[in-house]
Each structure stands twice: as structure tokens, then as C-alpha cells.
Amino acid sequence: MATKDLVRLAIEAMTYAYAPYSGFRVGAALLTADGNVYQGCNIENAAYTPTNCAERTAFFKAVSEGKREFFAICIVGGKDGVLEGYTAPCGVCRQVMMEFCDPETFRVILAKDEEHWQEYYLKELLPMGFGPDNLIKTEQTN
């Protein structure tokens, strides 16, 4: 899938955002290794902490349908849905990406329209990230 198509899908997802408190709408389009795309939007909550970011919405939708291998995510966002700059993922979203993605190969695309975007590898956005490989799995003994 072309990056431009992923950007377009992220912009579309942003239109579904529920952001009555901040007015900052975010959309994400997550590309799986098998070519499927899962869209997500931010969903705010009056209590704030239950708010869910667009990136995590996309990941949770995909994982809940059995997807575990991901190629890239595109993220867009702006106040009142107006794209003026690049919207980077928060730390929690970066950590979720680390759980499911290879930081050496997973691409994070930040776009402000279908013609302008920046690409990063997850390792650039989360250097020295802590992930599944950091935990030593040992066999349980009975």
C-alpha cells in the first residue's frame, strides 16, 4: 500500500474522533504485515484517564481480530480536525507499538496532508525501549 493511501485512511479515521473536551482530533491507520488496514480515532472521556488514543484504538482493533504482525502506522491530528503540523504518538502509544512491533523495521508515519509526511522507525521514537525481548521466559517447574 502506498504511503499516500495510508495517510488518506488516517485522515478519514480522524473524522470519527470523539474529542469534546480538547477539540484535538486524531486519526490513525495501521497497516498489518498481510496488507490489512485498521483505522482508529481518539476517544475522550470526561474523567480523562479512560481516554484512548487513535493509535491504541487501531492496535486494539487489530489485535482483537487476531493480528500480531504490523508494518506501519500513519498518524494525523489537529485542533478541531484542522491539520497544520505533525502529531507524534504519546509515550503510552509508543510502548504499545513496542509490544507488537519490531522497532528496527516498524515505520511510524506522521502526516499533515496527503502530500507531506515524515517517516521514522519505532527505534527512533522510543530509543532503548522495553519490550517482550527484555523479559526472560523461563519454563515453569512443577
N, C-alpha and C. Protein backbone atom coordinates (compact mmCIF):
# COMPACT_ATOMS: atom_id res chain seq x y z
N MET A 1 0.84 -1.17 0.00
CA MET A 1 0.00 0.00 0.00
C MET A 1 0.89 1.24 0.00
N ALA A 2 0.52 2.19 -0.82
CA ALA A 2 1.27 3.44 -0.91
C ALA A 2 1.07 4.27 0.36
N THR A 3 2.11 4.98 0.73
CA THR A 3 2.04 5.84 1.92
C THR A 3 0.89 6.83 1.80
N LYS A 4 0.70 7.38 0.62
CA LYS A 4 -0.37 8.36 0.40
C LYS A 4 -1.73 7.76 0.74
N ASP A 5 -1.95 6.48 0.42
CA ASP A 5 -3.22 5.82 0.74
C ASP A 5 -3.39 5.66 2.25
N LEU A 6 -2.30 5.34 2.93
CA LEU A 6 -2.36 5.20 4.39
C LEU A 6 -2.66 6.56 5.04
N VAL A 7 -2.07 7.61 4.51
CA VAL A 7 -2.35 8.96 5.01
C VAL A 7 -3.83 9.28 4.83
N ARG A 8 -4.37 8.99 3.66
CA ARG A 8 -5.78 9.26 3.38
C ARG A 8 -6.68 8.53 4.36
N LEU A 9 -6.36 7.28 4.68
CA LEU A 9 -7.16 6.50 5.62
C LEU A 9 -7.05 7.04 7.05
N ALA A 10 -5.89 7.55 7.41
CA ALA A 10 -5.73 8.16 8.74
C ALA A 10 -6.56 9.45 8.84
N ILE A 11 -6.55 10.24 7.78
CA ILE A 11 -7.35 11.46 7.76
C ILE A 11 -8.83 11.12 7.85
N GLU A 12 -9.25 10.09 7.15
CA GLU A 12 -10.65 9.63 7.23
C GLU A 12 -10.99 9.21 8.66
N ALA A 13 -10.10 8.46 9.30
CA ALA A 13 -10.34 7.98 10.66
C ALA A 13 -10.47 9.15 11.64
N MET A 14 -9.74 10.22 11.39
CA MET A 14 -9.79 11.39 12.27
C MET A 14 -11.20 11.98 12.33
N THR A 15 -11.96 11.83 11.26
CA THR A 15 -13.31 12.41 11.24
C THR A 15 -14.23 11.74 12.24
N TYR A 16 -13.88 10.56 12.71
CA TYR A 16 -14.70 9.83 13.67
C TYR A 16 -14.31 10.12 15.13
N ALA A 17 -13.28 10.92 15.33
CA ALA A 17 -12.79 11.19 16.68
C ALA A 17 -13.89 11.76 17.57
N TYR A 18 -13.83 11.36 18.83
CA TYR A 18 -14.73 11.89 19.86
C TYR A 18 -13.85 12.72 20.78
N ALA A 19 -13.83 14.03 20.55
CA ALA A 19 -12.92 14.91 21.29
C ALA A 19 -13.65 16.16 21.78
N PRO A 20 -14.72 15.99 22.59
CA PRO A 20 -15.49 17.15 23.02
C PRO A 20 -14.77 18.04 24.04
N TYR A 21 -13.71 17.55 24.67
CA TYR A 21 -13.04 18.30 25.73
C TYR A 21 -11.82 19.06 25.20
N SER A 22 -10.97 18.40 24.48
CA SER A 22 -9.76 19.06 23.97
C SER A 22 -9.98 19.66 22.59
N GLY A 23 -10.91 19.08 21.82
CA GLY A 23 -11.10 19.51 20.45
C GLY A 23 -9.98 19.04 19.53
N PHE A 24 -9.01 18.30 20.08
CA PHE A 24 -7.87 17.82 19.29
C PHE A 24 -8.23 16.44 18.74
N ARG A 25 -8.47 16.37 17.47
CA ARG A 25 -8.91 15.14 16.81
C ARG A 25 -7.68 14.43 16.22
N VAL A 26 -7.62 13.10 16.42
CA VAL A 26 -6.50 12.31 15.92
C VAL A 26 -7.05 11.10 15.17
N GLY A 27 -6.40 10.76 14.08
CA GLY A 27 -6.74 9.57 13.32
C GLY A 27 -5.49 8.75 13.06
N ALA A 28 -5.67 7.44 12.97
CA ALA A 28 -4.55 6.54 12.70
C ALA A 28 -4.98 5.46 11.72
N ALA A 29 -4.04 5.03 10.92
CA ALA A 29 -4.27 3.91 10.01
C ALA A 29 -3.08 2.95 10.18
N LEU A 30 -3.38 1.75 10.64
CA LEU A 30 -2.36 0.74 10.97
C LEU A 30 -2.34 -0.32 9.88
N LEU A 31 -1.18 -0.50 9.26
CA LEU A 31 -1.02 -1.47 8.18
C LEU A 31 -0.42 -2.76 8.75
N THR A 32 -1.14 -3.86 8.57
CA THR A 32 -0.65 -5.15 9.04
C THR A 32 0.30 -5.76 8.01
N ALA A 33 1.06 -6.73 8.43
CA ALA A 33 2.01 -7.39 7.53
C ALA A 33 1.31 -8.07 6.35
N ASP A 34 0.05 -8.47 6.54
CA ASP A 34 -0.67 -9.13 5.45
C ASP A 34 -1.47 -8.15 4.58
N GLY A 35 -1.26 -6.84 4.78
CA GLY A 35 -1.87 -5.84 3.92
C GLY A 35 -3.21 -5.28 4.35
N ASN A 36 -3.72 -5.71 5.50
CA ASN A 36 -4.97 -5.13 6.01
C ASN A 36 -4.68 -3.81 6.71
N VAL A 37 -5.69 -2.95 6.76
CA VAL A 37 -5.55 -1.67 7.45
C VAL A 37 -6.64 -1.57 8.50
N TYR A 38 -6.23 -1.16 9.69
CA TYR A 38 -7.16 -0.92 10.80
C TYR A 38 -7.08 0.56 11.15
N GLN A 39 -8.23 1.21 11.12
CA GLN A 39 -8.29 2.63 11.45
C GLN A 39 -8.64 2.82 12.92
N GLY A 40 -8.18 3.93 13.49
CA GLY A 40 -8.51 4.27 14.86
C GLY A 40 -8.62 5.77 15.01
N CYS A 41 -9.39 6.19 15.99
CA CYS A 41 -9.51 7.61 16.31
C CYS A 41 -9.38 7.76 17.82
N ASN A 42 -9.12 8.98 18.26
CA ASN A 42 -9.07 9.21 19.70
C ASN A 42 -10.49 9.28 20.24
N ILE A 43 -10.66 8.78 21.46
CA ILE A 43 -11.96 8.73 22.12
C ILE A 43 -11.75 9.29 23.53
N GLU A 44 -12.19 10.52 23.74
CA GLU A 44 -12.00 11.18 25.03
C GLU A 44 -13.08 10.76 26.02
N ASN A 45 -12.80 11.06 27.29
CA ASN A 45 -13.71 10.75 28.37
C ASN A 45 -13.65 11.89 29.38
N ALA A 46 -14.79 12.22 29.97
CA ALA A 46 -14.84 13.32 30.93
C ALA A 46 -13.90 13.11 32.11
N ALA A 47 -13.60 11.87 32.45
CA ALA A 47 -12.69 11.57 33.55
C ALA A 47 -11.22 11.58 33.08
N TYR A 48 -10.97 11.87 31.84
CA TYR A 48 -9.66 11.98 31.21
C TYR A 48 -8.85 10.69 31.15
N THR A 49 -8.56 10.03 32.26
CA THR A 49 -7.70 8.85 32.18
C THR A 49 -8.27 7.71 31.35
N PRO A 50 -9.59 7.55 31.23
CA PRO A 50 -10.09 6.49 30.34
C PRO A 50 -9.98 6.84 28.85
N THR A 51 -9.52 8.03 28.53
CA THR A 51 -9.36 8.44 27.13
C THR A 51 -8.44 7.46 26.41
N ASN A 52 -8.76 7.18 25.16
CA ASN A 52 -7.93 6.27 24.37
C ASN A 52 -7.45 6.98 23.11
N CYS A 53 -6.17 6.85 22.83
CA CYS A 53 -5.57 7.48 21.66
C CYS A 53 -5.94 6.72 20.38
N ALA A 54 -5.84 7.42 19.26
CA ALA A 54 -6.16 6.82 17.96
C ALA A 54 -5.27 5.62 17.66
N GLU A 55 -4.00 5.73 17.99
CA GLU A 55 -3.05 4.66 17.70
C GLU A 55 -3.42 3.38 18.44
N ARG A 56 -3.72 3.54 19.73
CA ARG A 56 -4.09 2.36 20.52
C ARG A 56 -5.43 1.80 20.07
N THR A 57 -6.35 2.66 19.67
CA THR A 57 -7.62 2.17 19.14
C THR A 57 -7.38 1.27 17.94
N ALA A 58 -6.53 1.71 17.02
CA ALA A 58 -6.22 0.91 15.83
C ALA A 58 -5.54 -0.41 16.21
N PHE A 59 -4.55 -0.34 17.11
CA PHE A 59 -3.86 -1.57 17.53
C PHE A 59 -4.81 -2.54 18.22
N PHE A 60 -5.64 -2.02 19.12
CA PHE A 60 -6.53 -2.91 19.87
C PHE A 60 -7.57 -3.55 18.96
N LYS A 61 -8.05 -2.82 17.95
CA LYS A 61 -8.97 -3.40 16.98
C LYS A 61 -8.29 -4.56 16.24
N ALA A 62 -7.07 -4.31 15.79
CA ALA A 62 -6.34 -5.33 15.03
C ALA A 62 -6.01 -6.55 15.89
N VAL A 63 -5.49 -6.31 17.09
CA VAL A 63 -5.12 -7.43 17.96
C VAL A 63 -6.36 -8.22 18.35
N SER A 64 -7.48 -7.54 18.57
CA SER A 64 -8.70 -8.25 18.96
C SER A 64 -9.24 -9.12 17.83
N GLU A 65 -8.74 -8.91 16.63
CA GLU A 65 -9.13 -9.74 15.49
C GLU A 65 -8.02 -10.70 15.09
N GLY A 66 -7.04 -10.89 15.98
CA GLY A 66 -6.02 -11.90 15.77
C GLY A 66 -4.77 -11.44 15.04
N LYS A 67 -4.65 -10.17 14.72
CA LYS A 67 -3.46 -9.68 14.02
C LYS A 67 -2.33 -9.46 15.02
N ARG A 68 -1.13 -9.87 14.65
CA ARG A 68 0.02 -9.72 15.53
C ARG A 68 1.26 -9.20 14.82
N GLU A 69 1.19 -9.05 13.50
CA GLU A 69 2.35 -8.58 12.75
C GLU A 69 1.98 -7.30 12.01
N PHE A 70 2.78 -6.25 12.25
CA PHE A 70 2.46 -4.93 11.72
C PHE A 70 3.62 -4.34 10.95
N PHE A 71 3.29 -3.57 9.93
CA PHE A 71 4.29 -2.99 9.04
C PHE A 71 4.49 -1.50 9.28
N ALA A 72 3.37 -0.75 9.46
CA ALA A 72 3.47 0.70 9.60
C ALA A 72 2.19 1.27 10.19
N ILE A 73 2.29 2.48 10.72
CA ILE A 73 1.12 3.23 11.17
C ILE A 73 1.28 4.67 10.70
N CYS A 74 0.18 5.26 10.28
CA CYS A 74 0.16 6.67 9.93
C CYS A 74 -0.71 7.39 10.96
N ILE A 75 -0.25 8.54 11.43
CA ILE A 75 -0.95 9.31 12.45
C ILE A 75 -1.12 10.74 11.96
N VAL A 76 -2.34 11.26 12.11
CA VAL A 76 -2.63 12.66 11.79
C VAL A 76 -3.43 13.25 12.94
N GLY A 77 -3.36 14.54 13.09
CA GLY A 77 -4.16 15.16 14.14
C GLY A 77 -4.10 16.67 14.09
N GLY A 78 -5.11 17.28 14.72
CA GLY A 78 -5.11 18.73 14.80
C GLY A 78 -6.31 19.25 15.57
N LYS A 79 -6.17 20.44 16.08
CA LYS A 79 -7.24 21.11 16.82
C LYS A 79 -8.44 21.31 15.89
N ASP A 80 -9.59 20.86 16.37
CA ASP A 80 -10.84 20.94 15.60
C ASP A 80 -10.73 20.24 14.24
N GLY A 81 -9.83 19.27 14.15
CA GLY A 81 -9.69 18.49 12.93
C GLY A 81 -8.93 19.19 11.82
N VAL A 82 -8.29 20.32 12.12
CA VAL A 82 -7.52 21.05 11.12
C VAL A 82 -6.06 20.58 11.19
N LEU A 83 -5.58 20.01 10.10
CA LEU A 83 -4.20 19.51 10.05
C LEU A 83 -3.26 20.66 9.73
N GLU A 84 -2.43 21.02 10.71
CA GLU A 84 -1.47 22.11 10.50
C GLU A 84 -0.03 21.66 10.73
N GLY A 85 0.15 20.65 11.54
CA GLY A 85 1.50 20.18 11.85
C GLY A 85 1.50 18.67 11.97
N TYR A 86 2.61 18.15 12.44
CA TYR A 86 2.75 16.71 12.62
C TYR A 86 2.37 16.33 14.04
N THR A 87 1.66 15.24 14.20
CA THR A 87 1.22 14.76 15.51
C THR A 87 1.94 13.46 15.82
N ALA A 88 2.81 13.50 16.79
CA ALA A 88 3.59 12.32 17.18
C ALA A 88 2.83 11.50 18.22
N PRO A 89 3.07 10.20 18.28
CA PRO A 89 2.39 9.37 19.28
C PRO A 89 2.91 9.65 20.69
N CYS A 90 2.01 9.55 21.67
CA CYS A 90 2.40 9.73 23.07
C CYS A 90 3.27 8.55 23.52
N GLY A 91 3.81 8.66 24.70
CA GLY A 91 4.66 7.61 25.24
C GLY A 91 3.95 6.28 25.42
N VAL A 92 2.70 6.33 25.87
CA VAL A 92 1.94 5.09 26.07
C VAL A 92 1.74 4.38 24.73
N CYS A 93 1.41 5.15 23.69
CA CYS A 93 1.22 4.54 22.37
C CYS A 93 2.53 3.96 21.83
N ARG A 94 3.62 4.64 22.08
CA ARG A 94 4.93 4.11 21.66
C ARG A 94 5.21 2.78 22.36
N GLN A 95 4.83 2.69 23.63
CA GLN A 95 5.04 1.46 24.38
C GLN A 95 4.16 0.33 23.82
N VAL A 96 2.93 0.64 23.44
CA VAL A 96 2.06 -0.38 22.82
C VAL A 96 2.67 -0.85 21.51
N MET A 97 3.19 0.07 20.73
CA MET A 97 3.86 -0.31 19.48
C MET A 97 5.02 -1.25 19.76
N MET A 98 5.77 -0.95 20.81
CA MET A 98 6.92 -1.77 21.18
C MET A 98 6.50 -3.20 21.53
N GLU A 99 5.31 -3.35 22.09
CA GLU A 99 4.81 -4.68 22.45
C GLU A 99 4.60 -5.56 21.23
N PHE A 100 4.17 -4.96 20.13
CA PHE A 100 3.75 -5.75 18.97
C PHE A 100 4.62 -5.60 17.74
N CYS A 101 5.57 -4.67 17.74
CA CYS A 101 6.31 -4.36 16.52
C CYS A 101 7.82 -4.47 16.71
N ASP A 102 8.49 -4.78 15.64
CA ASP A 102 9.95 -4.79 15.64
C ASP A 102 10.41 -3.33 15.52
N PRO A 103 11.08 -2.80 16.53
CA PRO A 103 11.47 -1.40 16.49
C PRO A 103 12.44 -1.06 15.36
N GLU A 104 13.12 -2.08 14.84
CA GLU A 104 14.08 -1.86 13.75
C GLU A 104 13.39 -1.68 12.40
N THR A 105 12.17 -2.23 12.25
CA THR A 105 11.53 -2.22 10.92
C THR A 105 10.16 -1.54 10.89
N PHE A 106 9.50 -1.38 12.05
CA PHE A 106 8.17 -0.79 12.06
C PHE A 106 8.26 0.71 11.79
N ARG A 107 7.49 1.16 10.80
CA ARG A 107 7.52 2.56 10.38
C ARG A 107 6.38 3.35 11.02
N VAL A 108 6.69 4.53 11.51
CA VAL A 108 5.70 5.46 12.05
C VAL A 108 5.70 6.67 11.13
N ILE A 109 4.55 6.91 10.50
CA ILE A 109 4.42 7.98 9.52
C ILE A 109 3.58 9.10 10.15
N LEU A 110 4.13 10.28 10.23
CA LEU A 110 3.42 11.44 10.75
C LEU A 110 3.11 12.32 9.55
N ALA A 111 1.82 12.61 9.33
CA ALA A 111 1.43 13.37 8.15
C ALA A 111 0.64 14.61 8.52
N LYS A 112 0.75 15.63 7.67
CA LYS A 112 -0.10 16.81 7.85
C LYS A 112 -1.03 17.00 6.65
N ASP A 113 -0.83 16.21 5.61
CA ASP A 113 -1.76 16.10 4.49
C ASP A 113 -1.26 14.98 3.59
N GLU A 114 -1.96 14.74 2.48
CA GLU A 114 -1.59 13.62 1.61
C GLU A 114 -0.28 13.84 0.85
N GLU A 115 0.25 15.03 0.91
CA GLU A 115 1.50 15.33 0.19
C GLU A 115 2.70 15.51 1.11
N HIS A 116 2.45 15.70 2.40
CA HIS A 116 3.55 15.99 3.33
C HIS A 116 3.52 15.04 4.53
N TRP A 117 4.60 14.30 4.68
CA TRP A 117 4.71 13.40 5.82
C TRP A 117 6.17 13.17 6.16
N GLN A 118 6.38 12.70 7.38
CA GLN A 118 7.70 12.33 7.87
C GLN A 118 7.63 10.87 8.32
N GLU A 119 8.68 10.12 8.04
CA GLU A 119 8.72 8.70 8.44
C GLU A 119 9.85 8.46 9.42
N TYR A 120 9.54 7.63 10.42
CA TYR A 120 10.51 7.23 11.43
C TYR A 120 10.39 5.74 11.66
N TYR A 121 11.46 5.14 12.14
CA TYR A 121 11.35 3.78 12.66
C TYR A 121 11.04 3.90 14.14
N LEU A 122 10.33 2.93 14.68
CA LEU A 122 9.95 2.97 16.09
C LEU A 122 11.17 3.17 16.98
N LYS A 123 12.30 2.56 16.63
CA LYS A 123 13.51 2.69 17.46
C LYS A 123 13.96 4.14 17.58
N GLU A 124 13.64 4.98 16.58
CA GLU A 124 13.99 6.40 16.65
C GLU A 124 13.09 7.16 17.61
N LEU A 125 11.84 6.72 17.74
CA LEU A 125 10.88 7.39 18.60
C LEU A 125 10.88 6.84 20.03
N LEU A 126 11.43 5.65 20.19
CA LEU A 126 11.49 5.02 21.51
C LEU A 126 12.86 4.35 21.67
N PRO A 127 13.91 5.17 21.77
CA PRO A 127 15.24 4.55 21.93
C PRO A 127 15.33 3.82 23.26
N MET A 128 16.01 2.72 23.25
CA MET A 128 16.18 1.89 24.43
C MET A 128 14.83 1.44 24.99
N GLY A 129 13.88 1.18 24.10
CA GLY A 129 12.55 0.75 24.51
C GLY A 129 12.57 -0.59 25.22
N PHE A 130 11.60 -0.78 26.10
CA PHE A 130 11.46 -2.02 26.85
C PHE A 130 10.34 -2.82 26.20
N GLY A 131 10.65 -4.03 25.77
CA GLY A 131 9.65 -4.84 25.09
C GLY A 131 9.74 -6.30 25.48
N PRO A 132 8.99 -7.13 24.78
CA PRO A 132 8.96 -8.56 25.11
C PRO A 132 10.33 -9.22 25.16
N ASP A 133 11.25 -8.78 24.31
CA ASP A 133 12.59 -9.39 24.31
C ASP A 133 13.38 -9.10 25.58
N ASN A 134 12.95 -8.10 26.35
CA ASN A 134 13.64 -7.79 27.60
C ASN A 134 13.27 -8.74 28.73
N LEU A 135 12.19 -9.45 28.57
CA LEU A 135 11.74 -10.36 29.61
C LEU A 135 12.22 -11.77 29.30
N ILE A 136 12.86 -12.37 30.24
CA ILE A 136 13.37 -13.72 30.05
C ILE A 136 12.24 -14.69 30.38
N LYS A 137 11.92 -15.51 29.41
CA LYS A 137 10.88 -16.51 29.63
C LYS A 137 11.53 -17.79 30.14
N THR A 138 11.09 -18.22 31.26
CA THR A 138 11.64 -19.45 31.82
C THR A 138 10.53 -20.49 31.89
N GLU A 139 10.93 -21.72 31.78
CA GLU A 139 9.96 -22.80 31.90
C GLU A 139 9.59 -22.99 33.37
N GLN A 140 8.32 -23.18 33.59
CA GLN A 140 7.87 -23.41 34.96
C GLN A 140 8.15 -24.84 35.34
N THR A 141 8.57 -24.99 36.56
CA THR A 141 8.80 -26.35 37.05
C THR A 141 7.70 -26.68 38.03
N ASN A 142 7.28 -27.92 38.03
CA ASN A 142 6.22 -28.36 38.95
C ASN A 142 6.79 -28.98 40.18
